[in-house]
C-alpha atoms as a PDB file:
ATOM      1  CA  MET A   1     115.863  88.656  85.519  1.00  0.00           C
ATOM      2  CA  VAL A   2     118.816  90.933  85.090  1.00  0.00           C
ATOM      3  CA  LEU A   3     122.426  89.830  84.770  1.00  0.00           C
ATOM      4  CA  VAL A   4     125.373  92.173  85.163  1.00  0.00           C
ATOM      5  CA  SER A   5     129.093  91.724  85.383  1.00  0.00           C
ATOM      6  CA  ALA A   6     130.782  93.131  88.474  1.00  0.00           C
ATOM      7  CA  LYS A   7     133.666  92.408  90.826  1.00  0.00           C
ATOM      8  CA  ASN A   8     131.368  91.725  93.787  1.00  0.00           C
ATOM      9  CA  GLU A   9     127.716  91.467  94.744  1.00  0.00           C
ATOM     10  CA  HIS A  10     127.495  95.007  96.133  1.00  0.00           C
ATOM     11  CA  LYS A  11     128.785  96.524  92.869  1.00  0.00           C
ATOM     12  CA  ALA A  12     126.469  94.299  90.832  1.00  0.00           C
ATOM     13  CA  MET A  13     123.432  95.410  92.826  1.00  0.00           C
ATOM     14  CA  ARG A  14     124.440  99.055  92.436  1.00  0.00           C
ATOM     15  CA  LYS A  15     124.763  98.622  88.652  1.00  0.00           C
ATOM     16  CA  ILE A  16     121.302  97.072  88.492  1.00  0.00           C
ATOM     17  CA  TRP A  17     119.782  99.902  90.575  1.00  0.00           C
ATOM     18  CA  GLN A  18     121.390 102.476  88.275  1.00  0.00           C
ATOM     19  CA  ARG A  19     120.174 100.756  85.107  1.00  0.00           C
ATOM     20  CA  LEU A  20     116.624 100.210  86.305  1.00  0.00           C
ATOM     21  CA  ASP A  21     116.139 103.274  88.496  1.00  0.00           C
ATOM     22  CA  ASP A  22     114.281 105.316  85.873  1.00  0.00           C
ATOM     23  CA  ALA A  23     112.688 102.347  84.124  1.00  0.00           C
ATOM     24  CA  LEU A  24     110.784 100.601  86.906  1.00  0.00           C
ATOM     25  CA  PRO A  25     109.306 101.417  90.317  1.00  0.00           C
ATOM     26  CA  ILE A  26     111.599  99.253  92.435  1.00  0.00           C
ATOM     27  CA  ASP A  27     111.525  98.981  96.221  1.00  0.00           C
ATOM     28  CA  VAL A  28     113.814  95.995  96.738  1.00  0.00           C
ATOM     29  CA  LEU A  29     116.334  94.095  94.663  1.00  0.00           C
ATOM     30  CA  CYS A  30     117.668  90.820  95.933  1.00  0.00           C
ATOM     31  CA  SER A  31     120.013  88.188  94.652  1.00  0.00           C
ATOM     32  CA  LEU A  32     119.647  84.447  95.087  1.00  0.00           C
ATOM     33  CA  PHE A  33     122.523  82.009  94.965  1.00  0.00           C
ATOM     34  CA  PRO A  34     122.980  78.372  95.972  1.00  0.00           C
ATOM     35  CA  SER A  35     124.822  77.612  99.197  1.00  0.00           C
ATOM     36  CA  PRO A  36     127.207  74.662  99.588  1.00  0.00           C
ATOM     37  CA  ASP A  37     124.494  72.693 101.446  1.00  0.00           C
ATOM     38  CA  GLY A  38     122.041  73.001  98.531  1.00  0.00           C
ATOM     39  CA  GLN A  39     119.817  75.708  99.979  1.00  0.00           C
ATOM     40  CA  TYR A  40     119.304  79.025  98.246  1.00  0.00           C
ATOM     41  CA  LEU A  41     120.622  82.083 100.013  1.00  0.00           C
ATOM     42  CA  MET A  42     119.001  85.474  99.546  1.00  0.00           C
ATOM     43  CA  SER A  43     120.931  88.702  99.690  1.00  0.00           C
ATOM     44  CA  ILE A  44     118.750  91.764 100.326  1.00  0.00           C
ATOM     45  CA  PRO A  45     120.519  95.120 100.403  1.00  0.00           C
ATOM     46  CA  MET A  46     118.927  97.486 102.931  1.00  0.00           C
ATOM     47  CA  THR A  47     119.381 101.006 104.156  1.00  0.00           C
ATOM     48  CA  GLU A  48     121.158 101.599 107.455  1.00  0.00           C
ATOM     49  CA  GLN A  49     117.823 102.670 108.955  1.00  0.00           C
ATOM     50  CA  ALA A  50     116.254  99.324 107.976  1.00  0.00           C
ATOM     51  CA  TRP A  51     119.207  97.429 109.482  1.00  0.00           C
ATOM     52  CA  GLN A  52     118.920  99.418 112.712  1.00  0.00           C
ATOM     53  CA  GLN A  53     115.252  98.523 112.967  1.00  0.00           C
ATOM     54  CA  ILE A  54     115.974  94.837 112.294  1.00  0.00           C
ATOM     55  CA  ARG A  55     118.787  94.786 114.860  1.00  0.00           C
ATOM     56  CA  ALA A  56     116.501  96.398 117.446  1.00  0.00           C
ATOM     57  CA  GLN A  57     113.673  93.920 116.768  1.00  0.00           C
ATOM     58  CA  ALA A  58     116.130  91.017 116.881  1.00  0.00           C
ATOM     59  CA  ALA A  59     117.581  92.199 120.191  1.00  0.00           C
ATOM     60  CA  THR A  60     114.077  92.514 121.653  1.00  0.00           C
ATOM     61  CA  ALA A  61     113.349  88.946 120.530  1.00  0.00           C
ATOM     62  CA  GLY A  62     116.726  87.705 121.806  1.00  0.00           C
ATOM     63  CA  GLN A  63     117.849  86.685 118.319  1.00  0.00           C
ATOM     64  CA  SER A  64     120.625  87.517 115.914  1.00  0.00           C
ATOM     65  CA  PRO A  65     119.548  89.803 113.041  1.00  0.00           C
ATOM     66  CA  GLU A  66     120.022  86.904 110.601  1.00  0.00           C
ATOM     67  CA  ASP A  67     117.866  84.535 112.664  1.00  0.00           C
ATOM     68  CA  HIS A  68     115.253  87.268 113.094  1.00  0.00           C
ATOM     69  CA  LEU A  69     115.098  87.853 109.316  1.00  0.00           C
ATOM     70  CA  ARG A  70     115.002  84.104 108.638  1.00  0.00           C
ATOM     71  CA  ALA A  71     112.053  83.730 111.014  1.00  0.00           C
ATOM     72  CA  ALA A  72     110.298  86.795 109.577  1.00  0.00           C
ATOM     73  CA  VAL A  73     110.612  85.473 106.014  1.00  0.00           C
ATOM     74  CA  ALA A  74     109.401  82.011 107.097  1.00  0.00           C
ATOM     75  CA  GLN A  75     106.392  83.588 108.871  1.00  0.00           C
ATOM     76  CA  ALA A  76     105.576  85.740 105.833  1.00  0.00           C
ATOM     77  CA  LEU A  77     105.703  82.689 103.552  1.00  0.00           C
ATOM     78  CA  ALA A  78     103.493  80.722 105.962  1.00  0.00           C
ATOM     79  CA  ARG A  79     100.975  83.606 106.062  1.00  0.00           C
ATOM     80  CA  ASP A  80     100.950  83.724 102.261  1.00  0.00           C
ATOM     81  CA  ARG A  81     100.376  79.946 102.016  1.00  0.00           C
ATOM     82  CA  SER A  82      97.577  80.217 104.567  1.00  0.00           C
ATOM     83  CA  ARG A  83      95.897  83.079 102.695  1.00  0.00           C
ATOM     84  CA  ARG A  84      96.175  81.224  99.396  1.00  0.00           C
ATOM     85  CA  ARG A  85      94.728  78.077 100.979  1.00  0.00           C
ATOM     86  CA  ALA A  86      91.838  80.101 102.438  1.00  0.00           C
ATOM     87  CA  ARG A  87      91.142  81.725  99.042  1.00  0.00           C
ATOM     88  CA  LEU A  88      91.173  78.309  97.379  1.00  0.00           C
ATOM     89  CA  ASP A  89      88.804  76.899 100.003  1.00  0.00           C
ATOM     90  CA  CYS A  90      86.452  79.843  99.482  1.00  0.00           C
ATOM     91  CA  GLN A  91      86.518  79.425  95.702  1.00  0.00           C
ATOM     92  CA  LEU A  92      85.925  75.690  96.027  1.00  0.00           C
ATOM     93  CA  SER A  93      82.953  76.316  98.311  1.00  0.00           C
ATOM     94  CA  THR A  94      81.507  78.621  95.672  1.00  0.00           C
ATOM     95  CA  LEU A  95      82.084  76.019  92.952  1.00  0.00           C
ATOM     96  CA  LEU A  96      80.621  73.222  95.082  1.00  0.00           C
ATOM     97  CA  SER A  97      77.432  75.205  95.521  1.00  0.00           C
ATOM     98  CA  THR A  98      76.898  74.923  91.748  1.00  0.00           C
ATOM     99  CA  PHE A  99      78.842  71.886  90.522  1.00  0.00           C
ATOM    100  CA  THR A 100      79.406  68.344  91.745  1.00  0.00           C
ATOM    101  CA  PRO A 101      82.828  67.275  93.036  1.00  0.00           C
ATOM    102  CA  GLU A 102      83.151  65.034  89.979  1.00  0.00           C
ATOM    103  CA  GLU A 103      82.522  67.943  87.591  1.00  0.00           C
ATOM    104  CA  ILE A 104      85.077  70.101  89.385  1.00  0.00           C
ATOM    105  CA  THR A 105      87.664  67.303  89.410  1.00  0.00           C
ATOM    106  CA  ALA A 106      87.128  66.595  85.701  1.00  0.00           C
ATOM    107  CA  ALA A 107      87.436  70.295  84.853  1.00  0.00           C
ATOM    108  CA  ALA A 108      90.635  70.572  86.907  1.00  0.00           C
ATOM    109  CA  ALA A 109      92.065  67.461  85.232  1.00  0.00           C
ATOM    110  CA  ARG A 110      91.348  68.928  81.784  1.00  0.00           C
ATOM    111  CA  ARG A 111      93.142  72.124  82.792  1.00  0.00           C
ATOM    112  CA  ILE A 112      96.284  70.473  84.142  1.00  0.00           C
ATOM    113  CA  ARG A 113      96.640  67.598  81.667  1.00  0.00           C
ATOM    114  CA  PRO A 114     100.029  67.897  79.930  1.00  0.00           C
ATOM    115  CA  PRO A 115     100.009  68.588  76.170  1.00  0.00           C
ATOM    116  CA  GLY A 116      99.946  65.408  74.115  1.00  0.00           C
ATOM    117  CA  CYS A 117      98.357  63.393  76.914  1.00  0.00           C
ATOM    118  CA  PRO A 118      95.381  61.356  75.714  1.00  0.00           C
ATOM    119  CA  SER A 119      92.058  62.879  76.697  1.00  0.00           C
ATOM    120  CA  ASP A 120      88.947  61.141  77.954  1.00  0.00           C
ATOM    121  CA  GLY A 121      86.451  60.389  75.245  1.00  0.00           C
ATOM    122  CA  PRO A 122      82.775  59.668  75.618  1.00  0.00           C
ATOM    123  CA  ASN A 123      81.922  57.108  78.314  1.00  0.00           C
ATOM    124  CA  GLY A 124      85.300  57.646  80.021  1.00  0.00           C
ATOM    125  CA  SER A 125      87.307  55.891  77.293  1.00  0.00           C
ATOM    126  CA  ARG A 126      90.783  57.149  76.426  1.00  0.00           C
ATOM    127  CA  GLU A 127      91.277  58.604  72.989  1.00  0.00           C
ATOM    128  CA  GLU A 128      94.505  59.722  71.368  1.00  0.00           C
END
Protein backbone atom coordinates (compact mmCIF):
# COMPACT_ATOMS: atom_id res chain seq x y z
CA MET A 1 0.00 0.00 0.00
CA VAL A 2 1.22 3.45 -0.83
CA LEU A 3 -0.18 6.68 0.57
CA VAL A 4 0.54 10.09 -0.91
CA SER A 5 -0.78 13.56 -0.33
CA ALA A 6 -2.23 15.33 -3.35
CA LYS A 7 -4.98 17.78 -4.27
CA ASN A 8 -6.91 15.19 -6.29
CA GLU A 9 -6.89 11.54 -7.27
CA HIS A 10 -5.26 12.12 -10.66
CA LYS A 11 -2.31 13.96 -9.09
CA ALA A 12 -1.99 11.30 -6.39
CA MET A 13 -1.84 8.52 -8.97
CA ARG A 14 0.77 10.43 -10.96
CA LYS A 15 2.92 10.89 -7.83
CA ILE A 16 2.72 7.16 -7.11
CA TRP A 17 3.69 6.27 -10.70
CA GLN A 18 6.68 8.62 -10.50
CA ARG A 19 7.85 7.22 -7.16
CA LEU A 20 7.48 3.58 -8.12
CA ASP A 21 8.30 3.73 -11.82
CA ASP A 22 11.92 2.62 -11.45
CA ALA A 23 11.36 0.46 -8.39
CA LEU A 24 8.70 -2.00 -9.52
CA PRO A 25 7.34 -3.45 -12.77
CA ILE A 26 3.87 -1.92 -12.64
CA ASP A 27 1.16 -2.31 -15.27
CA VAL A 28 -1.82 -0.89 -13.41
CA LEU A 29 -2.36 1.21 -10.31
CA CYS A 30 -5.84 1.59 -8.93
CA SER A 31 -7.38 3.28 -5.96
CA LEU A 32 -10.24 1.96 -3.86
CA PHE A 33 -12.54 4.14 -1.81
CA PRO A 34 -15.90 3.60 -0.10
CA SER A 35 -19.01 4.97 -1.77
CA PRO A 36 -21.91 6.51 0.17
CA ASP A 37 -23.92 3.27 -0.23
CA GLY A 38 -21.19 1.18 1.43
CA GLN A 39 -19.73 -0.39 -1.70
CA TYR A 40 -16.11 0.06 -2.66
CA LEU A 41 -15.43 1.98 -5.83
CA MET A 42 -12.34 1.30 -7.92
CA SER A 43 -10.59 3.96 -9.93
CA ILE A 44 -8.35 2.58 -12.68
CA PRO A 45 -6.43 5.13 -14.74
CA MET A 46 -6.08 4.01 -18.37
CA THR A 47 -4.51 5.25 -21.55
CA GLU A 48 -6.70 6.90 -24.17
CA GLN A 49 -6.18 3.85 -26.39
CA ALA A 50 -7.53 1.56 -23.65
CA TRP A 51 -10.56 3.83 -23.16
CA GLN A 52 -11.24 3.84 -26.90
CA GLN A 53 -11.20 0.06 -26.94
CA ILE A 54 -13.53 -0.13 -23.92
CA ARG A 55 -15.92 2.41 -25.45
CA ALA A 56 -15.98 0.43 -28.71
CA GLN A 57 -16.63 -2.88 -26.91
CA ALA A 58 -19.33 -1.24 -24.78
CA ALA A 59 -21.04 0.24 -27.84
CA THR A 60 -20.98 -3.16 -29.55
CA ALA A 61 -22.59 -4.69 -26.45
CA GLY A 62 -25.10 -1.82 -26.17
CA GLN A 63 -23.75 -0.76 -22.78
CA SER A 64 -22.20 2.29 -21.21
CA PRO A 65 -18.41 2.01 -20.72
CA GLU A 66 -18.94 1.91 -16.94
CA ASP A 67 -21.50 -0.91 -17.16
CA HIS A 68 -19.25 -2.77 -19.60
CA LEU A 69 -16.28 -2.52 -17.21
CA ARG A 70 -18.46 -3.51 -14.24
CA ALA A 71 -19.63 -6.61 -16.11
CA ALA A 72 -16.10 -7.44 -17.28
CA VAL A 73 -14.73 -7.23 -13.73
CA ALA A 74 -17.63 -9.34 -12.39
CA GLN A 75 -17.00 -11.97 -15.11
CA ALA A 76 -13.26 -12.02 -14.37
CA LEU A 77 -13.93 -12.51 -10.65
CA ALA A 78 -16.42 -15.30 -11.41
CA ARG A 79 -13.87 -17.01 -13.69
CA ASP A 80 -11.24 -16.75 -10.95
CA ARG A 81 -13.62 -18.24 -8.34
CA SER A 82 -14.49 -21.04 -10.75
CA ARG A 83 -10.83 -21.82 -11.45
CA ARG A 84 -10.00 -21.80 -7.75
CA ARG A 85 -12.96 -24.09 -7.02
CA ALA A 86 -11.83 -26.47 -9.79
CA ARG A 87 -8.25 -26.51 -8.42
CA LEU A 88 -9.57 -27.23 -4.93
CA ASP A 89 -11.78 -30.04 -6.23
CA CYS A 90 -8.80 -31.54 -8.07
CA GLN A 91 -6.59 -31.33 -4.98
CA LEU A 92 -9.32 -32.86 -2.83
CA SER A 93 -9.71 -35.73 -5.30
CA THR A 94 -5.99 -36.37 -5.04
CA LEU A 95 -6.15 -36.29 -1.23
CA LEU A 96 -9.21 -38.54 -1.14
CA SER A 97 -7.37 -41.15 -3.16
CA THR A 98 -4.93 -41.49 -0.24
CA PHE A 99 -6.71 -40.29 2.91
CA THR A 100 -10.16 -40.72 4.41
CA PRO A 101 -12.56 -37.76 4.57
CA GLU A 102 -12.19 -37.81 8.35
CA GLU A 103 -8.39 -37.53 8.13
CA ILE A 104 -8.64 -34.64 5.68
CA THR A 105 -11.24 -32.85 7.82
CA ALA A 106 -9.14 -33.29 10.97
CA ALA A 107 -6.02 -32.01 9.20
CA ALA A 108 -7.93 -28.99 7.88
CA ALA A 109 -9.35 -28.28 11.34
CA ARG A 110 -5.84 -28.37 12.84
CA ARG A 111 -4.66 -25.91 10.20
CA ILE A 112 -7.45 -23.38 10.67
CA ARG A 113 -7.92 -23.59 14.45
CA PRO A 114 -7.33 -20.12 15.94
CA PRO A 115 -4.32 -19.72 18.27
CA GLY A 116 -5.19 -20.44 21.89
CA CYS A 117 -8.12 -22.67 20.95
CA PRO A 118 -8.07 -25.97 22.83
CA SER A 119 -6.89 -28.87 20.70
CA ASP A 120 -8.24 -32.39 20.54
CA GLY A 121 -6.39 -34.81 22.74
CA PRO A 122 -6.31 -38.56 22.50
CA ASN A 123 -9.73 -40.21 22.09
CA GLY A 124 -11.26 -36.93 20.87
CA SER A 125 -11.14 -35.25 24.30
CA ARG A 126 -10.47 -31.52 24.53
CA GLU A 127 -7.26 -30.44 26.17
CA GLU A 128 -6.13 -26.94 27.03
